[in-house]
Amino acid sequence: MRQMIIGNWKMHGLHEQGNDLATGIAGAIAPIVAEREIIIAPPFTLIGALASLLRAHDIGLGAQDCHAESEGAFTGDIAAPMLADLGVTHVILGHSERREHHHETNELVRRKVRAACEHGLCPVVCVGETAQQQEDGVAETWLTEQITECLPPDFNGVVAYEPIWAIGTGKAATREDIQSRLSFLHEVLHRHLETDDKSTGSCMAAQSSPKMPRPSSLFPVWGACSSAGPACLPDRFSASQRLVFR
């Protein structure tokens, strides 16, 4: 199974800048793209512009969020079928920044997961704990709630672990930290989804949706690369993806 790396560009990049960055990344990772499943999740404004370029280099096209409804009077939001129409295959849901700044709840993330799957998108559901939750001794309880409340029992997709306590704090999550959390998350996933699949691989797709990637594996992921605007240079992205899953 190929390991997955998702480049989340967040709210960075205008049209020309985004095209240059995507072109540079495609060239930098060309020698090893067959060994990894690479997904780029640019801002919504760049999805259509980058679709053909990424497809030509066997790089997947992702989105950073979607609405729980397929259409309606939801000013400023974007629906799953709109993303699918542009060639998006994966969508990030429940990111810690969405939970913090947009007050997204587990229940809302679950609805978005349903919407994504219904329209052929592979949901990449983020879970993670803060430093305060660690200090209070509730980290595992919180992670368990995120898994059980965000993922429907028939969930087919990707679970991405965010060590929120180590992001932008100057603290480094060690390999032991990550392995411990992955082991714990596998146990929770096993109980909740009644699966013992612990392999690393691609998105596990719903059998009923021909638009979604073929079924392969369900796994917690750590190491999704986040762009820091112009500072996220192609060679840095390439180096990051080599280190994350070494």
Protein backbone atom coordinates (compact mmCIF):
# COMPACT_ATOMS: atom_id res chain seq x y z
CA MET A 1 0.00 0.00 0.00
CA ARG A 2 1.27 3.50 -0.81
CA GLN A 3 1.57 6.00 2.01
CA MET A 4 -0.44 9.20 1.75
CA ILE A 5 0.79 12.77 2.05
CA ILE A 6 -1.61 15.70 1.92
CA GLY A 7 -0.35 19.21 1.24
CA ASN A 8 -2.81 21.65 2.82
CA TRP A 9 -2.17 25.12 1.40
CA LYS A 10 -4.68 26.73 3.75
CA MET A 11 -5.51 30.35 2.81
CA HIS A 12 -2.41 30.95 0.71
CA GLY A 13 -1.81 31.52 -2.97
CA LEU A 14 -3.08 33.68 -5.82
CA HIS A 15 -3.54 32.27 -9.32
CA GLU A 16 -0.04 32.76 -10.75
CA GLN A 17 1.68 31.93 -7.48
CA GLY A 18 -0.38 28.78 -7.03
CA ASN A 19 0.31 27.56 -10.53
CA ASP A 20 4.05 28.13 -10.10
CA LEU A 21 4.06 26.35 -6.74
CA ALA A 22 2.12 23.35 -8.05
CA THR A 23 4.40 23.10 -11.09
CA GLY A 24 7.46 23.24 -8.87
CA ILE A 25 6.13 20.61 -6.47
CA ALA A 26 5.20 18.30 -9.35
CA GLY A 27 8.73 18.50 -10.70
CA ALA A 28 10.38 18.08 -7.30
CA ILE A 29 8.48 14.94 -6.34
CA ALA A 30 8.38 13.32 -9.78
CA PRO A 31 11.08 10.73 -8.95
CA ILE A 32 9.14 9.33 -6.01
CA VAL A 33 5.48 10.10 -6.79
CA ALA A 34 4.83 6.45 -7.60
CA GLU A 35 5.88 5.49 -4.06
CA ARG A 36 3.47 7.85 -2.32
CA GLU A 37 -0.11 8.94 -2.78
CA ILE A 38 0.29 12.71 -2.97
CA ILE A 39 -2.71 15.01 -2.55
CA ILE A 40 -2.62 18.80 -2.90
CA ALA A 41 -5.44 20.74 -1.23
CA PRO A 42 -5.26 24.34 -2.50
CA PRO A 43 -7.71 27.15 -1.66
CA PHE A 44 -11.08 26.84 -3.38
CA THR A 45 -10.13 29.59 -5.83
CA LEU A 46 -7.28 27.46 -7.25
CA ILE A 47 -8.98 24.08 -7.50
CA GLY A 48 -10.25 24.51 -11.05
CA ALA A 49 -7.02 26.12 -12.22
CA LEU A 50 -4.80 23.31 -10.92
CA ALA A 51 -6.95 20.27 -11.68
CA SER A 52 -5.44 19.44 -15.09
CA LEU A 53 -1.87 20.14 -14.02
CA LEU A 54 -2.04 17.90 -10.97
CA ARG A 55 -3.82 15.14 -12.86
CA ALA A 56 -1.10 15.15 -15.51
CA HIS A 57 1.51 14.48 -12.80
CA ASP A 58 -0.47 11.80 -10.94
CA ILE A 59 -1.06 14.12 -8.00
CA GLY A 60 -4.48 14.00 -6.38
CA LEU A 61 -6.67 17.07 -5.99
CA GLY A 62 -8.07 17.78 -2.56
CA ALA A 63 -10.25 20.42 -0.92
CA GLN A 64 -10.03 21.93 2.54
CA ASP A 65 -13.70 21.66 3.52
CA CYS A 66 -17.22 21.14 2.23
CA HIS A 67 -20.72 21.93 3.44
CA ALA A 68 -22.98 19.29 4.94
CA GLU A 69 -25.73 20.08 2.42
CA SER A 70 -25.60 19.50 -1.33
CA GLU A 71 -27.02 22.92 -2.17
CA GLY A 72 -28.98 25.76 -0.62
CA ALA A 73 -28.86 29.29 0.74
CA PHE A 74 -25.47 29.01 2.43
CA THR A 75 -23.57 32.11 1.39
CA GLY A 76 -19.82 31.62 1.13
CA ASP A 77 -19.89 27.82 1.49
CA ILE A 78 -19.06 25.14 -1.06
CA ALA A 79 -20.88 21.84 -1.55
CA ALA A 80 -19.42 18.38 -2.08
CA PRO A 81 -20.94 17.94 -5.58
CA MET A 82 -19.33 21.24 -6.63
CA LEU A 83 -15.95 19.88 -5.59
CA ALA A 84 -16.52 16.56 -7.33
CA ASP A 85 -17.52 18.44 -10.47
CA LEU A 86 -14.08 20.08 -10.50
CA GLY A 87 -12.25 16.77 -10.19
CA VAL A 88 -11.62 16.79 -6.44
CA THR A 89 -11.18 13.31 -4.95
CA HIS A 90 -10.38 14.02 -1.28
CA VAL A 91 -11.73 16.59 1.17
CA ILE A 92 -10.26 17.55 4.55
CA LEU A 93 -12.92 17.68 7.28
CA GLY A 94 -12.79 18.64 10.94
CA HIS A 95 -9.39 20.33 10.75
CA SER A 96 -8.36 21.82 14.09
CA GLU A 97 -8.47 25.33 12.62
CA ARG A 98 -12.05 24.81 11.42
CA ARG A 99 -13.00 23.51 14.85
CA GLU A 100 -11.33 26.47 16.58
CA HIS A 101 -12.20 29.39 14.30
CA HIS A 102 -15.54 28.20 12.91
CA HIS A 103 -16.68 26.33 16.01
CA GLU A 104 -17.30 23.10 14.12
CA THR A 105 -18.65 20.28 16.26
CA ASN A 106 -18.22 16.54 15.93
CA GLU A 107 -21.86 16.28 14.86
CA LEU A 108 -21.31 18.75 12.03
CA VAL A 109 -18.16 16.94 10.89
CA ARG A 110 -20.14 13.71 10.80
CA ARG A 111 -22.76 15.32 8.55
CA LYS A 112 -20.01 16.58 6.27
CA VAL A 113 -18.52 13.09 6.10
CA ARG A 114 -21.88 11.78 4.93
CA ALA A 115 -22.15 14.50 2.31
CA ALA A 116 -18.64 13.84 1.02
CA CYS A 117 -19.21 10.12 0.67
CA GLU A 118 -22.58 10.58 -1.00
CA HIS A 119 -20.90 12.58 -3.75
CA GLY A 120 -17.89 10.37 -4.32
CA LEU A 121 -15.31 12.23 -2.24
CA CYS A 122 -12.93 10.52 0.14
CA PRO A 123 -13.25 12.22 3.56
CA VAL A 124 -10.00 12.95 5.40
CA VAL A 125 -11.17 13.44 8.97
CA CYS A 126 -8.81 15.23 11.34
CA VAL A 127 -8.61 14.37 15.02
CA GLY A 128 -6.20 15.63 17.64
CA GLU A 129 -5.76 16.98 21.16
CA THR A 130 -4.49 20.27 22.56
CA ALA A 131 -1.79 20.80 25.17
CA GLN A 132 -4.46 21.75 27.70
CA GLN A 133 -6.35 18.51 27.10
CA GLN A 134 -3.13 16.60 27.64
CA GLU A 135 -2.42 18.45 30.88
CA ASP A 136 -5.99 17.83 32.08
CA GLY A 137 -5.67 14.10 31.38
CA VAL A 138 -8.61 14.03 28.97
CA ALA A 139 -6.72 13.58 25.68
CA GLU A 140 -7.73 9.96 25.11
CA THR A 141 -11.34 10.67 26.07
CA TRP A 142 -11.43 13.57 23.61
CA LEU A 143 -9.86 11.53 20.80
CA THR A 144 -12.32 8.71 21.42
CA GLU A 145 -15.24 11.13 21.22
CA GLN A 146 -13.92 12.57 17.97
CA ILE A 147 -13.69 9.12 16.41
CA THR A 148 -17.05 7.83 17.61
CA GLU A 149 -18.97 11.07 16.98
CA CYS A 150 -17.38 12.13 13.68
CA LEU A 151 -17.26 8.76 11.93
CA PRO A 152 -20.46 6.91 11.03
CA PRO A 153 -20.28 3.14 11.60
CA ASP A 154 -19.90 2.54 7.86
CA PHE A 155 -17.14 5.13 7.51
CA ASN A 156 -14.84 4.67 4.54
CA GLY A 157 -12.08 7.21 4.39
CA VAL A 158 -8.94 8.50 6.05
CA VAL A 159 -8.35 9.54 9.65
CA ALA A 160 -5.55 12.08 10.06
CA TYR A 161 -4.06 12.63 13.50
CA GLU A 162 -3.05 16.23 14.29
CA PRO A 163 -0.77 16.65 17.31
CA ILE A 164 -2.29 20.08 17.95
CA TRP A 165 -0.23 20.46 21.11
CA ALA A 166 2.95 20.44 18.98
CA ILE A 167 1.79 22.71 16.15
CA GLY A 168 3.26 26.20 16.33
CA THR A 169 4.27 25.72 19.98
CA GLY A 170 7.95 24.97 19.56
CA LYS A 171 7.38 21.47 20.92
CA ALA A 172 8.27 18.54 18.70
CA ALA A 173 6.15 15.38 18.50
CA THR A 174 8.58 12.46 18.67
CA ARG A 175 8.25 9.21 16.78
CA GLU A 176 7.32 7.58 20.09
CA ASP A 177 4.58 10.17 20.69
CA ILE A 178 3.06 9.52 17.29
CA GLN A 179 3.34 5.73 17.48
CA SER A 180 1.64 5.73 20.86
CA ARG A 181 -1.25 7.80 19.54
CA LEU A 182 -1.56 5.73 16.37
CA SER A 183 -1.77 2.54 18.42
CA PHE A 184 -4.47 4.08 20.59
CA LEU A 185 -6.42 5.36 17.58
CA HIS A 186 -6.24 1.95 15.90
CA GLU A 187 -7.81 0.40 18.99
CA VAL A 188 -10.61 2.98 19.03
CA LEU A 189 -11.20 2.55 15.30
CA HIS A 190 -11.28 -1.22 15.71
CA ARG A 191 -13.98 -0.97 18.37
CA HIS A 192 -16.02 1.68 16.59
CA LEU A 193 -15.82 0.38 13.04
CA GLU A 194 -15.37 -3.30 13.87
CA THR A 195 -12.26 -3.54 11.74
CA ASP A 196 -8.75 -4.73 12.56
CA ASP A 197 -7.16 -3.20 9.49
CA LYS A 198 -3.96 -1.48 10.66
CA SER A 199 -2.16 -1.20 7.36
CA THR A 200 -0.99 2.04 5.82
CA GLY A 201 -2.45 2.77 2.47
CA SER A 202 -4.88 4.80 0.45
CA CYS A 203 -8.43 5.93 1.02
CA MET A 204 -10.99 3.23 1.63
CA ALA A 205 -13.79 3.93 -0.79
CA ALA A 206 -17.49 3.23 -0.61
CA GLN A 207 -18.29 0.29 -2.87
CA SER A 208 -21.45 1.99 -4.10
CA SER A 209 -19.68 5.11 -5.39
CA PRO A 210 -17.88 4.64 -8.73
CA LYS A 211 -16.35 8.13 -8.46
CA MET A 212 -14.37 7.33 -5.35
CA PRO A 213 -10.91 5.71 -5.32
CA ARG A 214 -10.83 1.95 -5.20
CA PRO A 215 -10.99 0.41 -1.69
CA SER A 216 -7.67 -0.25 -0.04
CA SER A 217 -7.17 0.66 3.59
CA LEU A 218 -8.29 2.73 6.53
CA PHE A 219 -5.54 4.27 8.61
CA PRO A 220 -4.68 7.12 10.97
CA VAL A 221 -2.14 9.43 9.40
CA TRP A 222 0.36 11.80 10.90
CA GLY A 223 2.44 14.23 8.92
CA ALA A 224 0.11 15.99 6.50
CA CYS A 225 2.28 18.84 5.22
CA SER A 226 0.83 22.31 5.64
CA SER A 227 1.93 25.14 3.42
CA ALA A 228 3.12 28.41 4.89
CA GLY A 229 2.39 30.42 1.79
CA PRO A 230 5.38 31.36 -0.37
CA ALA A 231 7.68 29.81 2.24
CA CYS A 232 6.47 26.34 1.28
CA LEU A 233 8.86 25.88 -1.63
CA PRO A 234 8.75 22.82 -3.88
CA ASP A 235 12.06 21.43 -2.60
CA ARG A 236 10.91 21.88 0.99
CA PHE A 237 7.67 20.01 0.27
CA SER A 238 9.67 17.24 -1.38
CA ALA A 239 12.04 17.01 1.56
CA SER A 240 9.15 17.00 4.03
CA GLN A 241 7.36 14.14 2.36
CA ARG A 242 10.55 12.06 2.38
CA LEU A 243 11.02 12.63 6.11
CA VAL A 244 7.41 12.13 7.25
CA PHE A 245 7.15 8.48 6.30
CA ARG A 246 10.77 7.37 6.41
